[in-house]
Amino acid sequence: MLTLASKLKRDDGGKTGRASGASDSTHRVSIRDRLLTKGTCKANFPDEDKLHHFQLAVSPDEGYYQSGKFQFEIDVPEAYNMVPPKVRCLTRIWHPNITENGEICLSLLREHSIDGTGWAPTRTLKDVVWGLNSLFTDLLNFDDPLNIDAAEHHLRDKVRLPCFEECKTITDTLRAILT
C-alpha cells in the first residue's frame, strides 16, 4: 500500500524528516504539505477581488499523467465549509474519473456520501487540492469510473492514456488512443 510517508521517504532518499516528539497528526499534515509544495499544484486567482473563485494547475510528477498540466476551476460557495466547493476540470483529458465535460468523480467533493468519505465541515481547501493532485497518482480509480470508456481503454492498454491537450483535434485523440 502506498502511503504518503513511504513516498516522501523514497523521494528524500530514506530520510523521514520527522522531528523527535512530533505527533502523528502533525507528521501527517507536514507530509501532505511537503508533497503539495513540491511544485505539483499552483493556484491562480483570475480576479484578485474574488478569492472564492480560483484556478488550480496540477502537474503530476509521476504516473500515467506525468509532465501533463491540468487546469481546474474551483468555486467556493457562501455555505462553505458546510458544503464542498464546486470543482470542474478545464483541461480536456482522457481520465477514468474525469469526463470530457470536466465533471469530476472524487468522493470528498460529494456533499452526501454513503461510505462516509464525502464532504465534512472539517475538510479544507487543502484537502481538495490534495485530492485533485491525487487523481493523477494514487487515487486513479479504474474500478468505479465516471468515464467508462477511459477506464476500459486502460484495461485494454495499460501502457498509455493520452491527454486531450496533447492532441489538436478529436481525430488526433482517437488516433492516439487506437495506436
C-alpha atoms as a PDB file:
ATOM      1  CA  MET A   1       0.000   0.000   0.000  1.00  0.00           C
ATOM      2  CA  LEU A   2       1.283   3.425  -0.945  1.00  0.00           C
ATOM      3  CA  THR A   3       1.422   5.868   1.936  1.00  0.00           C
ATOM      4  CA  LEU A   4       2.457   9.485   1.885  1.00  0.00           C
ATOM      5  CA  ALA A   5       5.197   8.761   4.435  1.00  0.00           C
ATOM      6  CA  SER A   6       6.706   5.987   2.299  1.00  0.00           C
ATOM      7  CA  LYS A   7       6.529   8.214  -0.799  1.00  0.00           C
ATOM      8  CA  LEU A   8       8.384  11.021   0.955  1.00  0.00           C
ATOM      9  CA  LYS A   9      10.919   8.615   2.391  1.00  0.00           C
ATOM     10  CA  ARG A  10      11.575   7.273  -1.122  1.00  0.00           C
ATOM     11  CA  ASP A  11      11.764  10.801  -2.598  1.00  0.00           C
ATOM     12  CA  ASP A  12      14.089  12.016   0.181  1.00  0.00           C
ATOM     13  CA  GLY A  13      16.415   9.032  -0.101  1.00  0.00           C
ATOM     14  CA  GLY A  14      15.330   7.349   3.127  1.00  0.00           C
ATOM     15  CA  LYS A  15      15.179  10.351   5.453  1.00  0.00           C
ATOM     16  CA  THR A  16      11.883  10.724   7.312  1.00  0.00           C
ATOM     17  CA  GLY A  17      12.256  14.386   8.180  1.00  0.00           C
ATOM     18  CA  ARG A  18      10.247  13.836  11.359  1.00  0.00           C
ATOM     19  CA  ALA A  19      11.228  15.854  14.355  1.00  0.00           C
ATOM     20  CA  SER A  20      11.526  13.898  17.559  1.00  0.00           C
ATOM     21  CA  GLY A  21       8.455  14.353  19.691  1.00  0.00           C
ATOM     22  CA  ALA A  22       6.209  15.333  16.779  1.00  0.00           C
ATOM     23  CA  SER A  23       2.760  13.781  16.984  1.00  0.00           C
ATOM     24  CA  ASP A  24       1.366  11.514  14.250  1.00  0.00           C
ATOM     25  CA  SER A  25      -1.254  14.143  13.429  1.00  0.00           C
ATOM     26  CA  THR A  26       1.370  16.855  12.975  1.00  0.00           C
ATOM     27  CA  HIS A  27       3.515  14.427  10.989  1.00  0.00           C
ATOM     28  CA  ARG A  28       0.668  13.597   8.558  1.00  0.00           C
ATOM     29  CA  VAL A  29      -0.120  17.250   7.917  1.00  0.00           C
ATOM     30  CA  SER A  30       3.513  18.125   7.346  1.00  0.00           C
ATOM     31  CA  ILE A  31       3.912  15.202   4.913  1.00  0.00           C
ATOM     32  CA  ARG A  32       0.892  16.325   2.929  1.00  0.00           C
ATOM     33  CA  ASP A  33       2.080  19.932   2.981  1.00  0.00           C
ATOM     34  CA  ARG A  34       5.520  18.883   1.772  1.00  0.00           C
ATOM     35  CA  LEU A  35       4.018  16.928  -1.109  1.00  0.00           C
ATOM     36  CA  LEU A  36       1.813  19.856  -2.120  1.00  0.00           C
ATOM     37  CA  THR A  37       4.717  22.279  -2.079  1.00  0.00           C
ATOM     38  CA  LYS A  38       6.835  20.148  -4.428  1.00  0.00           C
ATOM     39  CA  GLY A  39       5.558  22.234  -7.301  1.00  0.00           C
ATOM     40  CA  THR A  40       2.838  19.868  -8.492  1.00  0.00           C
ATOM     41  CA  CYS A  41      -0.006  22.312  -7.684  1.00  0.00           C
ATOM     42  CA  LYS A  42      -0.285  26.039  -8.205  1.00  0.00           C
ATOM     43  CA  ALA A  43      -3.257  28.333  -7.542  1.00  0.00           C
ATOM     44  CA  ASN A  44      -4.122  31.285  -9.745  1.00  0.00           C
ATOM     45  CA  PHE A  45      -6.686  33.981  -8.959  1.00  0.00           C
ATOM     46  CA  PRO A  46      -8.012  35.440 -12.263  1.00  0.00           C
ATOM     47  CA  ASP A  47      -9.761  38.221 -10.331  1.00  0.00           C
ATOM     48  CA  GLU A  48      -7.884  39.106  -7.149  1.00  0.00           C
ATOM     49  CA  ASP A  49     -11.067  40.661  -5.721  1.00  0.00           C
ATOM     50  CA  LYS A  50     -12.835  37.286  -5.867  1.00  0.00           C
ATOM     51  CA  LEU A  51     -10.913  34.968  -3.567  1.00  0.00           C
ATOM     52  CA  HIS A  52     -13.790  32.465  -3.631  1.00  0.00           C
ATOM     53  CA  HIS A  53     -13.111  31.748  -7.315  1.00  0.00           C
ATOM     54  CA  PHE A  54      -9.715  30.480  -8.425  1.00  0.00           C
ATOM     55  CA  GLN A  55      -7.962  28.106 -10.769  1.00  0.00           C
ATOM     56  CA  LEU A  56      -5.610  25.326  -9.825  1.00  0.00           C
ATOM     57  CA  ALA A  57      -2.903  23.937 -12.108  1.00  0.00           C
ATOM     58  CA  VAL A  58      -1.882  20.348 -11.351  1.00  0.00           C
ATOM     59  CA  SER A  59       1.330  18.986 -12.890  1.00  0.00           C
ATOM     60  CA  PRO A  60       1.812  15.365 -11.764  1.00  0.00           C
ATOM     61  CA  ASP A  61       5.406  14.295 -11.239  1.00  0.00           C
ATOM     62  CA  GLU A  62       4.686  10.564 -11.553  1.00  0.00           C
ATOM     63  CA  GLY A  63       2.246   8.070 -13.069  1.00  0.00           C
ATOM     64  CA  TYR A  64       0.365   7.993 -16.395  1.00  0.00           C
ATOM     65  CA  TYR A  65      -0.107  11.750 -16.461  1.00  0.00           C
ATOM     66  CA  GLN A  66       3.461  12.705 -15.528  1.00  0.00           C
ATOM     67  CA  SER A  67       4.563  16.005 -17.093  1.00  0.00           C
ATOM     68  CA  GLY A  68       0.990  16.947 -18.023  1.00  0.00           C
ATOM     69  CA  LYS A  69      -0.571  20.213 -16.903  1.00  0.00           C
ATOM     70  CA  PHE A  70      -4.217  20.156 -15.919  1.00  0.00           C
ATOM     71  CA  GLN A  71      -6.346  23.186 -15.049  1.00  0.00           C
ATOM     72  CA  PHE A  72      -9.219  23.099 -12.566  1.00  0.00           C
ATOM     73  CA  GLU A  73     -11.739  25.798 -11.737  1.00  0.00           C
ATOM     74  CA  ILE A  74     -12.742  25.998  -8.083  1.00  0.00           C
ATOM     75  CA  ASP A  75     -15.710  27.980  -6.781  1.00  0.00           C
ATOM     76  CA  VAL A  76     -16.124  28.203  -3.030  1.00  0.00           C
ATOM     77  CA  PRO A  77     -19.826  28.730  -2.179  1.00  0.00           C
ATOM     78  CA  GLU A  78     -21.084  31.031   0.565  1.00  0.00           C
ATOM     79  CA  ALA A  79     -22.144  27.971   2.570  1.00  0.00           C
ATOM     80  CA  TYR A  80     -18.537  26.662   2.673  1.00  0.00           C
ATOM     81  CA  ASN A  81     -17.470  24.736   4.812  1.00  0.00           C
ATOM     82  CA  MET A  82     -20.838  23.116   5.295  1.00  0.00           C
ATOM     83  CA  VAL A  83     -20.911  22.281   1.563  1.00  0.00           C
ATOM     84  CA  PRO A  84     -17.985  21.348  -0.685  1.00  0.00           C
ATOM     85  CA  PRO A  85     -16.505  23.697  -3.261  1.00  0.00           C
ATOM     86  CA  LYS A  86     -17.628  23.255  -6.864  1.00  0.00           C
ATOM     87  CA  VAL A  87     -14.755  21.939  -8.965  1.00  0.00           C
ATOM     88  CA  ARG A  88     -14.538  21.473 -12.722  1.00  0.00           C
ATOM     89  CA  CYS A  89     -11.642  20.336 -14.892  1.00  0.00           C
ATOM     90  CA  LEU A  90     -10.920  22.865 -17.649  1.00  0.00           C
ATOM     91  CA  THR A  91      -8.405  20.665 -19.484  1.00  0.00           C
ATOM     92  CA  ARG A  92      -9.909  18.080 -21.809  1.00  0.00           C
ATOM     93  CA  ILE A  93      -8.461  14.830 -20.591  1.00  0.00           C
ATOM     94  CA  TRP A  94      -8.895  11.085 -21.099  1.00  0.00           C
ATOM     95  CA  HIS A  95      -9.251  10.007 -17.466  1.00  0.00           C
ATOM     96  CA  PRO A  96     -11.452   7.403 -15.764  1.00  0.00           C
ATOM     97  CA  ASN A  97     -12.577   9.858 -13.051  1.00  0.00           C
ATOM     98  CA  ILE A  98     -12.996  12.998 -15.185  1.00  0.00           C
ATOM     99  CA  THR A  99     -15.482  13.340 -18.043  1.00  0.00           C
ATOM    100  CA  GLU A 100     -14.753  15.154 -21.289  1.00  0.00           C
ATOM    101  CA  ASN A 101     -17.040  17.930 -19.981  1.00  0.00           C
ATOM    102  CA  GLY A 102     -14.900  18.433 -16.879  1.00  0.00           C
ATOM    103  CA  GLU A 103     -17.091  16.687 -14.306  1.00  0.00           C
ATOM    104  CA  ILE A 104     -15.013  15.080 -11.560  1.00  0.00           C
ATOM    105  CA  CYS A 105     -15.591  11.924  -9.555  1.00  0.00           C
ATOM    106  CA  LEU A 106     -13.819  12.499  -6.245  1.00  0.00           C
ATOM    107  CA  SER A 107     -15.545  11.283  -3.091  1.00  0.00           C
ATOM    108  CA  LEU A 108     -14.541  14.224  -0.912  1.00  0.00           C
ATOM    109  CA  LEU A 109     -16.372  16.575  -3.312  1.00  0.00           C
ATOM    110  CA  ARG A 110     -19.656  14.760  -2.715  1.00  0.00           C
ATOM    111  CA  GLU A 111     -21.985  16.563  -0.370  1.00  0.00           C
ATOM    112  CA  HIS A 112     -23.604  13.289   0.721  1.00  0.00           C
ATOM    113  CA  SER A 113     -21.665  10.060   0.630  1.00  0.00           C
ATOM    114  CA  ILE A 114     -22.792   6.584   1.636  1.00  0.00           C
ATOM    115  CA  ASP A 115     -19.276   5.427   2.543  1.00  0.00           C
ATOM    116  CA  GLY A 116     -18.563   8.414   4.809  1.00  0.00           C
ATOM    117  CA  THR A 117     -15.689   9.709   2.684  1.00  0.00           C
ATOM    118  CA  GLY A 118     -17.645  12.650   1.292  1.00  0.00           C
ATOM    119  CA  TRP A 119     -17.507  16.274   2.316  1.00  0.00           C
ATOM    120  CA  ALA A 120     -17.471  17.152   6.008  1.00  0.00           C
ATOM    121  CA  PRO A 121     -17.171  20.583   7.670  1.00  0.00           C
ATOM    122  CA  THR A 122     -13.758  19.503   8.963  1.00  0.00           C
ATOM    123  CA  ARG A 123     -12.381  19.293   5.426  1.00  0.00           C
ATOM    124  CA  THR A 124     -10.433  22.195   3.955  1.00  0.00           C
ATOM    125  CA  LEU A 125      -9.421  23.528   0.559  1.00  0.00           C
ATOM    126  CA  LYS A 126      -6.069  21.903   1.177  1.00  0.00           C
ATOM    127  CA  ASP A 127      -7.870  18.534   1.165  1.00  0.00           C
ATOM    128  CA  VAL A 128      -9.456  19.437  -2.173  1.00  0.00           C
ATOM    129  CA  VAL A 129      -6.078  20.373  -3.674  1.00  0.00           C
ATOM    130  CA  TRP A 130      -4.550  17.157  -2.354  1.00  0.00           C
ATOM    131  CA  GLY A 131      -7.467  15.131  -3.741  1.00  0.00           C
ATOM    132  CA  LEU A 132      -7.230  16.692  -7.201  1.00  0.00           C
ATOM    133  CA  ASN A 133      -3.478  16.103  -7.282  1.00  0.00           C
ATOM    134  CA  SER A 134      -4.018  12.508  -6.170  1.00  0.00           C
ATOM    135  CA  LEU A 135      -6.469  11.838  -9.015  1.00  0.00           C
ATOM    136  CA  PHE A 136      -3.398  11.563 -11.215  1.00  0.00           C
ATOM    137  CA  THR A 137      -1.425   9.252  -8.932  1.00  0.00           C
ATOM    138  CA  ASP A 138      -2.695   7.111  -6.054  1.00  0.00           C
ATOM    139  CA  LEU A 139      -6.457   7.881  -6.350  1.00  0.00           C
ATOM    140  CA  LEU A 140      -6.649   6.946 -10.036  1.00  0.00           C
ATOM    141  CA  ASN A 141      -9.696   4.640  -9.942  1.00  0.00           C
ATOM    142  CA  PHE A 142     -10.448   2.231 -12.778  1.00  0.00           C
ATOM    143  CA  ASP A 143     -12.893   0.105 -10.749  1.00  0.00           C
ATOM    144  CA  ASP A 144     -15.640   2.733 -10.297  1.00  0.00           C
ATOM    145  CA  PRO A 145     -15.119   5.141 -13.212  1.00  0.00           C
ATOM    146  CA  LEU A 146     -17.093   8.199 -14.197  1.00  0.00           C
ATOM    147  CA  ASN A 147     -15.635   7.960 -17.721  1.00  0.00           C
ATOM    148  CA  ILE A 148     -16.230   4.294 -18.515  1.00  0.00           C
ATOM    149  CA  ASP A 149     -14.588   4.452 -21.957  1.00  0.00           C
ATOM    150  CA  ALA A 150     -11.324   5.755 -20.472  1.00  0.00           C
ATOM    151  CA  ALA A 151     -11.336   3.020 -17.817  1.00  0.00           C
ATOM    152  CA  GLU A 152     -11.997   0.312 -20.410  1.00  0.00           C
ATOM    153  CA  HIS A 153      -9.218   1.729 -22.574  1.00  0.00           C
ATOM    154  CA  HIS A 154      -6.837   1.440 -19.642  1.00  0.00           C
ATOM    155  CA  LEU A 155      -7.800  -2.181 -19.122  1.00  0.00           C
ATOM    156  CA  ARG A 156      -7.024  -2.897 -22.787  1.00  0.00           C
ATOM    157  CA  ASP A 157      -3.817  -0.845 -22.951  1.00  0.00           C
ATOM    158  CA  LYS A 158      -2.160  -0.170 -19.621  1.00  0.00           C
ATOM    159  CA  VAL A 159       0.864   1.498 -21.192  1.00  0.00           C
ATOM    160  CA  ARG A 160      -0.581   4.860 -22.134  1.00  0.00           C
ATOM    161  CA  LEU A 161      -3.597   7.086 -21.572  1.00  0.00           C
ATOM    162  CA  PRO A 162      -3.416  10.143 -23.852  1.00  0.00           C
ATOM    163  CA  CYS A 163      -4.285  13.618 -22.651  1.00  0.00           C
ATOM    164  CA  PHE A 164      -6.578  15.549 -24.958  1.00  0.00           C
ATOM    165  CA  GLU A 165      -4.269  18.546 -24.562  1.00  0.00           C
ATOM    166  CA  GLU A 166      -1.524  16.670 -26.437  1.00  0.00           C
ATOM    167  CA  CYS A 167      -3.856  16.293 -29.411  1.00  0.00           C
ATOM    168  CA  LYS A 168      -5.080  19.197 -31.509  1.00  0.00           C
ATOM    169  CA  THR A 169      -8.228  17.522 -32.815  1.00  0.00           C
ATOM    170  CA  ILE A 170     -10.587  14.734 -31.860  1.00  0.00           C
ATOM    171  CA  THR A 171      -9.150  12.763 -34.803  1.00  0.00           C
ATOM    172  CA  ASP A 172      -5.663  13.095 -33.287  1.00  0.00           C
ATOM    173  CA  THR A 173      -7.033  11.969 -29.935  1.00  0.00           C
ATOM    174  CA  LEU A 174      -8.726   8.887 -31.422  1.00  0.00           C
ATOM    175  CA  ARG A 175      -5.573   8.084 -33.398  1.00  0.00           C
ATOM    176  CA  ALA A 176      -3.528   8.327 -30.162  1.00  0.00           C
ATOM    177  CA  ILE A 177      -5.966   6.064 -28.356  1.00  0.00           C
ATOM    178  CA  LEU A 178      -6.054   3.433 -31.082  1.00  0.00           C
ATOM    179  CA  THR A 179      -2.288   3.269 -31.625  1.00  0.00           C
END
